[in-house]
């Protein structure tokens, strides 16, 4: 790769409706020089997440992405040169490098990662996706053996891991996904007990059949009408782990659902809790140990969706928001 040119993908304007290719453009900048305390990194894999779309709306747990700037995004990168102690050329790091070949990033904003093959696992099962699934289910949802766990966006990067961990913990697991193919994949490949296709329309009815004993833990990735349907089926003292609201991110957020929630939360004594994976990083070592042992024993299958080429990043995100992916979607730069 020519180390004098830095290809960058800019967000040229913030979408008011659905995200489209016209909201991005590719440009060429110069490779930045790291200042004291910074390192120059070269992106290897860029993580694609529904959160990328949420950042365009305004500040979340990070600053909003402004128009005509490099699109923000986390990824796995290799250190090219370092002006900070603790990181040297060749080291592999995770951080917000943005959608570009090279970035100069303060060392304190980077996490040094172990070298492993395939490197993609650092973004999926041993990265934010795996850790989000682990902490959101086990620390927030707190499932017990024999309970019923329902997860939405179940074929996605986080949901596909949540369901498998719930199975490992001895739960009855129901996944909600879009399309028959995805639903079949959840039950035949990943070991879910049942899968509900929300594109069929009769979500509540199908859920009631798939979870005859009611729902004890609901891991919510979508919000909206699906959250409303699940709350209606929650058992007393059920737990809802709120990870995301992908149904509300792209296009115009729906004005419906969930309705009638406050009353049901009171009557059923439900706990509904949002979380950010960063809250649990002091317990990351134990989580990684568990995840590695489950992968090694074959109890946890890793599904990745790798797209080649920085230039394909916008289309890859648009496709992710439309539900094209199975498992963790990322771009190989």
Protein backbone atom coordinates (compact mmCIF):
# COMPACT_ATOMS: atom_id res chain seq x y z
CA UNK A 1 0.00 0.00 0.00
CA UNK A 2 1.25 3.49 -0.85
CA UNK A 3 2.12 4.97 2.55
CA UNK A 4 1.82 8.60 1.41
CA UNK A 5 -1.88 8.55 0.56
CA UNK A 6 -4.58 8.16 3.19
CA UNK A 7 -7.93 7.09 1.70
CA UNK A 8 -10.79 8.41 3.80
CA UNK A 9 -14.56 8.03 3.71
CA UNK A 10 -16.34 11.22 4.72
CA UNK A 11 -19.91 11.66 5.90
CA UNK A 12 -20.85 14.49 3.52
CA UNK A 13 -24.27 15.14 5.05
CA UNK A 14 -26.36 13.80 7.89
CA UNK A 15 -29.32 11.82 6.57
CA UNK A 16 -32.79 12.95 7.58
CA UNK A 17 -34.42 9.75 6.29
CA UNK A 18 -32.79 6.46 5.36
CA UNK A 19 -29.02 6.27 5.04
CA UNK A 20 -27.85 6.02 1.41
CA UNK A 21 -24.59 5.94 -0.58
CA UNK A 22 -25.10 9.63 -1.44
CA UNK A 23 -24.36 10.56 2.19
CA UNK A 24 -20.73 9.46 1.84
CA UNK A 25 -17.76 10.23 -0.37
CA UNK A 26 -14.27 8.83 -0.73
CA UNK A 27 -11.41 11.31 -0.58
CA UNK A 28 -7.64 11.16 -0.33
CA UNK A 29 -5.76 12.91 2.42
CA UNK A 30 -2.19 12.76 3.66
CA UNK A 31 -0.93 10.26 6.21
CA UNK A 32 -0.96 12.11 9.57
CA UNK A 33 2.11 12.64 11.77
CA UNK A 34 1.65 11.40 15.35
CA UNK A 35 2.23 14.02 18.08
CA UNK A 36 3.67 13.26 21.52
CA UNK A 37 1.47 10.68 23.26
CA UNK A 38 -0.01 9.52 19.93
CA UNK A 39 0.55 6.57 17.66
CA UNK A 40 0.12 6.25 13.91
CA UNK A 41 -1.95 3.18 13.09
CA UNK A 42 -3.00 1.48 9.88
CA UNK A 43 -6.53 0.10 9.88
CA UNK A 44 -6.86 -3.62 9.19
CA UNK A 45 -10.55 -4.32 9.93
CA UNK A 46 -13.35 -1.78 10.48
CA UNK A 47 -16.26 -2.76 12.71
CA UNK A 48 -19.75 -2.08 11.37
CA UNK A 49 -22.45 -1.55 13.97
CA UNK A 50 -25.98 -0.20 14.14
CA UNK A 51 -24.54 2.39 16.55
CA UNK A 52 -22.69 3.98 13.59
CA UNK A 53 -26.09 5.18 12.40
CA UNK A 54 -27.17 6.39 15.85
CA UNK A 55 -24.05 8.60 16.08
CA UNK A 56 -25.31 10.61 13.08
CA UNK A 57 -28.38 11.74 15.05
CA UNK A 58 -26.43 13.45 17.82
CA UNK A 59 -24.31 12.85 20.88
CA UNK A 60 -24.75 9.40 22.48
CA UNK A 61 -22.04 7.89 24.70
CA UNK A 62 -19.68 9.53 22.19
CA UNK A 63 -19.74 12.86 20.35
CA UNK A 64 -21.95 13.06 17.26
CA UNK A 65 -20.39 12.57 13.83
CA UNK A 66 -20.44 15.92 12.03
CA UNK A 67 -20.90 16.45 8.27
CA UNK A 68 -17.74 16.61 6.13
CA UNK A 69 -15.61 14.70 8.59
CA UNK A 70 -14.15 11.19 8.43
CA UNK A 71 -16.91 8.75 9.39
CA UNK A 72 -16.31 7.44 12.90
CA UNK A 73 -15.91 3.77 13.62
CA UNK A 74 -13.98 1.34 15.74
CA UNK A 75 -11.60 -1.20 14.36
CA UNK A 76 -8.53 -3.34 14.65
CA UNK A 77 -5.34 -1.60 13.53
CA UNK A 78 -1.61 -2.14 13.46
CA UNK A 79 0.82 0.36 14.97
CA UNK A 80 3.06 1.92 12.28
CA UNK A 81 4.99 4.35 14.50
CA UNK A 82 4.63 5.39 18.13
CA UNK A 83 5.34 8.48 20.20
CA UNK A 84 3.87 6.91 23.32
CA UNK A 85 5.27 4.43 25.84
CA UNK A 86 3.78 0.94 25.84
CA UNK A 87 3.01 0.71 22.13
CA UNK A 88 5.50 -0.09 19.39
CA UNK A 89 5.39 -0.77 15.64
CA UNK A 90 3.67 -4.06 14.84
CA UNK A 91 1.43 -4.03 17.91
CA UNK A 92 -2.26 -4.77 17.28
CA UNK A 93 -4.74 -2.34 18.85
CA UNK A 94 -8.48 -1.67 19.02
CA UNK A 95 -9.73 1.90 18.85
CA UNK A 96 -11.82 4.49 17.02
CA UNK A 97 -9.68 4.90 13.93
CA UNK A 98 -12.53 6.08 11.70
CA UNK A 99 -13.14 4.95 8.13
CA UNK A 100 -9.65 5.53 6.72
CA UNK A 101 -6.38 3.77 6.05
CA UNK A 102 -4.30 5.65 8.63
CA UNK A 103 -5.06 7.54 11.83
CA UNK A 104 -3.02 9.30 14.52
CA UNK A 105 -4.69 8.40 17.80
CA UNK A 106 -3.83 9.23 21.44
CA UNK A 107 -2.40 6.05 22.96
CA UNK A 108 -4.75 6.36 25.93
CA UNK A 109 -7.70 5.80 23.56
CA UNK A 110 -6.30 2.51 22.23
CA UNK A 111 -6.51 -0.98 23.71
CA UNK A 112 -3.61 -3.31 23.00
CA UNK A 113 -4.90 -6.64 21.71
CA UNK A 114 -3.29 -10.09 21.64
CA UNK A 115 -2.01 -11.43 18.34
CA UNK A 116 -4.33 -14.17 17.16
CA UNK A 117 -5.54 -15.92 14.04
CA UNK A 118 -7.99 -15.20 12.68
CA UNK A 119 -7.54 -11.53 13.60
CA UNK A 120 -11.25 -10.99 12.85
CA UNK A 121 -12.12 -12.75 16.15
CA UNK A 122 -10.76 -9.65 17.95
CA UNK A 123 -13.74 -7.71 16.54
CA UNK A 124 -16.40 -10.39 16.88
CA UNK A 125 -16.37 -12.95 19.66
CA UNK A 126 -13.46 -11.43 21.66
CA UNK A 127 -14.34 -7.84 20.79
CA UNK A 128 -17.21 -5.50 21.54
CA UNK A 129 -19.82 -7.91 20.10
CA UNK A 130 -18.87 -10.87 22.29
CA UNK A 131 -18.38 -8.76 25.41
CA UNK A 132 -21.69 -6.91 24.87
CA UNK A 133 -23.49 -10.25 24.59
CA UNK A 134 -21.72 -11.68 27.64
CA UNK A 135 -22.24 -8.78 30.06
CA UNK A 136 -25.66 -7.75 28.77
CA UNK A 137 -27.03 -11.26 29.19
CA UNK A 138 -25.20 -12.52 32.29
CA UNK A 139 -24.79 -9.33 34.35
CA UNK A 140 -27.96 -7.45 33.34
CA UNK A 141 -30.35 -10.25 32.30
CA UNK A 142 -29.12 -12.71 34.96
CA UNK A 143 -30.68 -15.85 33.42
CA UNK A 144 -31.10 -18.97 35.55
CA UNK A 145 -31.13 -22.55 34.30
CA UNK A 146 -34.53 -23.55 32.92
CA UNK A 147 -35.68 -19.97 32.28
CA UNK A 148 -36.87 -18.70 28.90
CA UNK A 149 -34.61 -16.18 27.18
CA UNK A 150 -35.75 -14.23 24.10
CA UNK A 151 -33.33 -12.20 21.98
CA UNK A 152 -34.17 -9.86 19.08
CA UNK A 153 -31.89 -9.23 16.07
CA UNK A 154 -30.90 -12.80 16.91
CA UNK A 155 -28.94 -13.40 13.70
CA UNK A 156 -26.83 -10.29 14.21
CA UNK A 157 -23.39 -9.93 15.75
CA UNK A 158 -24.55 -9.61 19.38
CA UNK A 159 -27.83 -11.54 19.24
CA UNK A 160 -26.31 -14.68 17.74
CA UNK A 161 -23.84 -14.84 20.66
CA UNK A 162 -26.46 -14.00 23.33
CA UNK A 163 -28.63 -16.95 22.28
CA UNK A 164 -25.73 -19.37 22.34
CA UNK A 165 -24.56 -18.24 25.80
CA UNK A 166 -28.13 -18.61 27.08
CA UNK A 167 -28.15 -22.21 25.75
CA UNK A 168 -24.81 -22.87 27.48
CA UNK A 169 -26.46 -21.66 30.70
CA UNK A 170 -29.31 -24.17 30.29
CA UNK A 171 -32.09 -21.84 29.16
CA UNK A 172 -34.94 -22.26 26.67
CA UNK A 173 -33.88 -19.84 23.91
CA UNK A 174 -36.07 -18.08 21.36
CA UNK A 175 -34.56 -15.84 18.68
CA UNK A 176 -36.42 -13.15 16.73
CA UNK A 177 -35.00 -12.50 13.25
CA UNK A 178 -36.07 -11.34 9.81
CA UNK A 179 -36.72 -14.03 7.19
CA UNK A 180 -37.08 -17.80 7.10
CA UNK A 181 -33.42 -18.42 6.22
CA UNK A 182 -32.15 -16.63 9.27
CA UNK A 183 -34.68 -18.37 11.50
CA UNK A 184 -33.70 -21.81 10.15
CA UNK A 185 -30.03 -20.96 10.69
CA UNK A 186 -30.66 -20.06 14.34
CA UNK A 187 -32.35 -23.37 15.13
CA UNK A 188 -30.33 -25.73 12.91
CA UNK A 189 -26.83 -24.26 13.26
CA UNK A 190 -26.75 -22.27 16.50
CA UNK A 191 -28.96 -24.50 18.62
CA UNK A 192 -31.77 -22.06 19.46
CA UNK A 193 -34.93 -23.86 20.61
CA UNK A 194 -37.20 -21.73 18.44
CA UNK A 195 -37.07 -18.76 16.09
CA UNK A 196 -39.72 -16.19 15.25
CA UNK A 197 -39.76 -14.40 11.89
CA UNK A 198 -40.90 -10.83 12.58
CA UNK A 199 -41.43 -10.28 8.85
CA UNK A 200 -44.36 -12.72 9.04
CA UNK A 201 -46.38 -10.07 10.84
CA UNK A 202 -47.90 -12.16 13.64
CA UNK A 203 -44.96 -11.65 16.02
CA UNK A 204 -46.91 -11.72 19.28
CA UNK A 205 -48.77 -14.91 18.38
CA UNK A 206 -45.61 -16.68 17.18
CA UNK A 207 -43.74 -15.59 20.30
CA UNK A 208 -46.47 -16.89 22.56
CA UNK A 209 -46.24 -20.29 20.84
CA UNK A 210 -42.41 -20.32 21.01
CA UNK A 211 -42.34 -19.31 24.70
CA UNK A 212 -45.32 -21.15 26.23
CA UNK A 213 -44.05 -20.55 29.79
CA UNK A 214 -43.67 -16.81 29.22
CA UNK A 215 -40.42 -14.82 28.99
CA UNK A 216 -38.01 -14.49 31.93
CA UNK A 217 -35.22 -12.57 30.19
CA UNK A 218 -35.59 -10.43 27.07
CA UNK A 219 -32.40 -9.13 25.42
CA UNK A 220 -33.54 -6.14 23.37
CA UNK A 221 -31.60 -5.01 20.31
CA UNK A 222 -34.45 -3.38 18.44
CA UNK A 223 -36.95 -1.50 20.61
CA UNK A 224 -40.26 -0.53 18.99
CA UNK A 225 -43.10 -2.98 18.42
CA UNK A 226 -41.03 -6.08 19.18
CA UNK A 227 -40.18 -4.72 22.63
CA UNK A 228 -43.91 -4.07 23.14
CA UNK A 229 -44.78 -7.67 22.19
CA UNK A 230 -42.14 -9.12 24.54
CA UNK A 231 -43.14 -6.97 27.52
CA UNK A 232 -46.69 -8.31 27.21
CA UNK A 233 -45.33 -11.88 27.55
CA UNK A 234 -42.86 -11.24 30.39
CA UNK A 235 -43.20 -13.29 33.56
CA UNK A 236 -43.30 -11.69 37.01
CA UNK A 237 -39.86 -10.39 38.02
CA UNK A 238 -38.59 -10.73 34.45
CA UNK A 239 -35.48 -8.83 33.33
CA UNK A 240 -35.11 -6.80 30.15
CA UNK A 241 -31.57 -6.03 29.03
CA UNK A 242 -31.64 -2.98 26.74
CA UNK A 243 -28.74 -3.10 24.30
CA UNK A 244 -30.00 -1.07 21.35
CA UNK A 245 -32.98 0.17 19.38
CA UNK A 246 -32.04 -0.51 15.76
CA UNK A 247 -35.67 -0.16 14.63
CA UNK A 248 -35.45 3.52 15.61
CA UNK A 249 -32.06 4.44 14.10
CA UNK A 250 -32.53 4.56 10.34
CA UNK A 251 -35.19 6.62 8.63
CA UNK A 252 -37.92 8.31 10.63
CA UNK A 253 -38.30 6.78 14.13
CA UNK A 254 -41.68 5.12 14.55
CA UNK A 255 -44.21 6.86 16.75
CA UNK A 256 -45.67 3.55 17.91
CA UNK A 257 -44.56 1.15 20.59
CA UNK A 258 -43.92 0.28 23.17
CA UNK A 259 -47.31 1.25 24.61
CA UNK A 260 -48.75 0.30 27.98
CA UNK A 261 -45.29 -0.30 29.33
CA UNK A 262 -45.28 1.57 32.67
CA UNK A 263 -48.33 -0.34 33.93
CA UNK A 264 -46.90 -3.73 32.98
CA UNK A 265 -43.53 -2.91 34.55
CA UNK A 266 -45.30 -2.22 37.85
CA UNK A 267 -47.73 -5.14 37.80
CA UNK A 268 -45.10 -7.68 36.73
CA UNK A 269 -42.29 -6.11 38.84
CA UNK A 270 -40.03 -6.05 35.79
CA UNK A 271 -36.47 -4.77 35.75
CA UNK A 272 -35.55 -2.93 32.55
CA UNK A 273 -31.94 -1.84 32.34
CA UNK A 274 -29.80 -0.23 29.68
CA UNK A 275 -26.06 -0.83 29.64
CA UNK A 276 -22.90 0.09 27.77
CA UNK A 277 -20.22 -2.59 27.47
CA UNK A 278 -17.52 -0.13 28.62
CA UNK A 279 -19.10 -0.21 32.10
CA UNK A 280 -17.79 -3.75 32.57
CA UNK A 281 -14.24 -3.53 31.24
CA UNK A 282 -12.71 -4.25 34.66
CA UNK A 283 -14.22 -7.74 34.36
CA UNK A 284 -13.12 -8.28 30.78
CA UNK A 285 -10.46 -10.91 31.56
CA UNK A 286 -12.97 -13.32 33.10
CA UNK A 287 -15.37 -12.78 30.20
CA UNK A 288 -12.67 -13.51 27.63
CA UNK A 289 -11.61 -16.63 29.53
CA UNK A 290 -15.20 -17.95 29.44
CA UNK A 291 -15.72 -17.03 25.78
CA UNK A 292 -12.43 -18.68 24.75
CA UNK A 293 -13.26 -21.89 26.57
CA UNK A 294 -16.74 -22.06 24.99
CA UNK A 295 -15.33 -21.48 21.51
CA UNK A 296 -12.59 -24.08 22.07
CA UNK A 297 -15.13 -26.69 23.24
CA UNK A 298 -17.37 -26.03 20.22
CA UNK A 299 -20.29 -24.83 22.38
CA UNK A 300 -20.09 -21.35 20.85
CA UNK A 301 -19.94 -20.92 17.07
CA UNK A 302 -18.40 -17.78 15.64
CA UNK A 303 -20.16 -16.31 12.62
CA UNK A 304 -18.47 -13.45 10.75
CA UNK A 305 -19.42 -11.47 7.67
CA UNK A 306 -16.27 -9.92 6.21
CA UNK A 307 -16.52 -7.51 3.26
CA UNK A 308 -13.40 -6.53 1.35
CA UNK A 309 -12.33 -2.98 0.55
CA UNK A 310 -12.54 0.39 2.34
CA UNK A 311 -14.58 1.76 -0.59
CA UNK A 312 -17.36 -0.73 0.25
CA UNK A 313 -17.80 0.46 3.84
CA UNK A 314 -20.83 2.75 3.21
CA UNK A 315 -22.74 0.04 1.34
CA UNK A 316 -21.79 -2.49 4.01
CA UNK A 317 -23.31 -0.29 6.74
CA UNK A 318 -26.45 0.37 4.67
CA UNK A 319 -26.80 -3.40 4.20
CA UNK A 320 -26.30 -4.04 7.92
CA UNK A 321 -29.13 -1.61 8.76
CA UNK A 322 -31.32 -3.51 6.26
CA UNK A 323 -30.49 -6.80 8.02
CA UNK A 324 -28.30 -8.39 5.32
CA UNK A 325 -25.68 -9.80 7.66
CA UNK A 326 -25.40 -12.98 9.69
CA UNK A 327 -23.10 -12.56 12.64
CA UNK A 328 -20.52 -9.81 12.98
CA UNK A 329 -20.13 -7.62 9.88
CA UNK A 330 -16.78 -5.92 9.28
CA UNK A 331 -14.73 -4.50 6.42
CA UNK A 332 -11.22 -5.70 5.60
CA UNK A 333 -9.41 -2.50 4.70
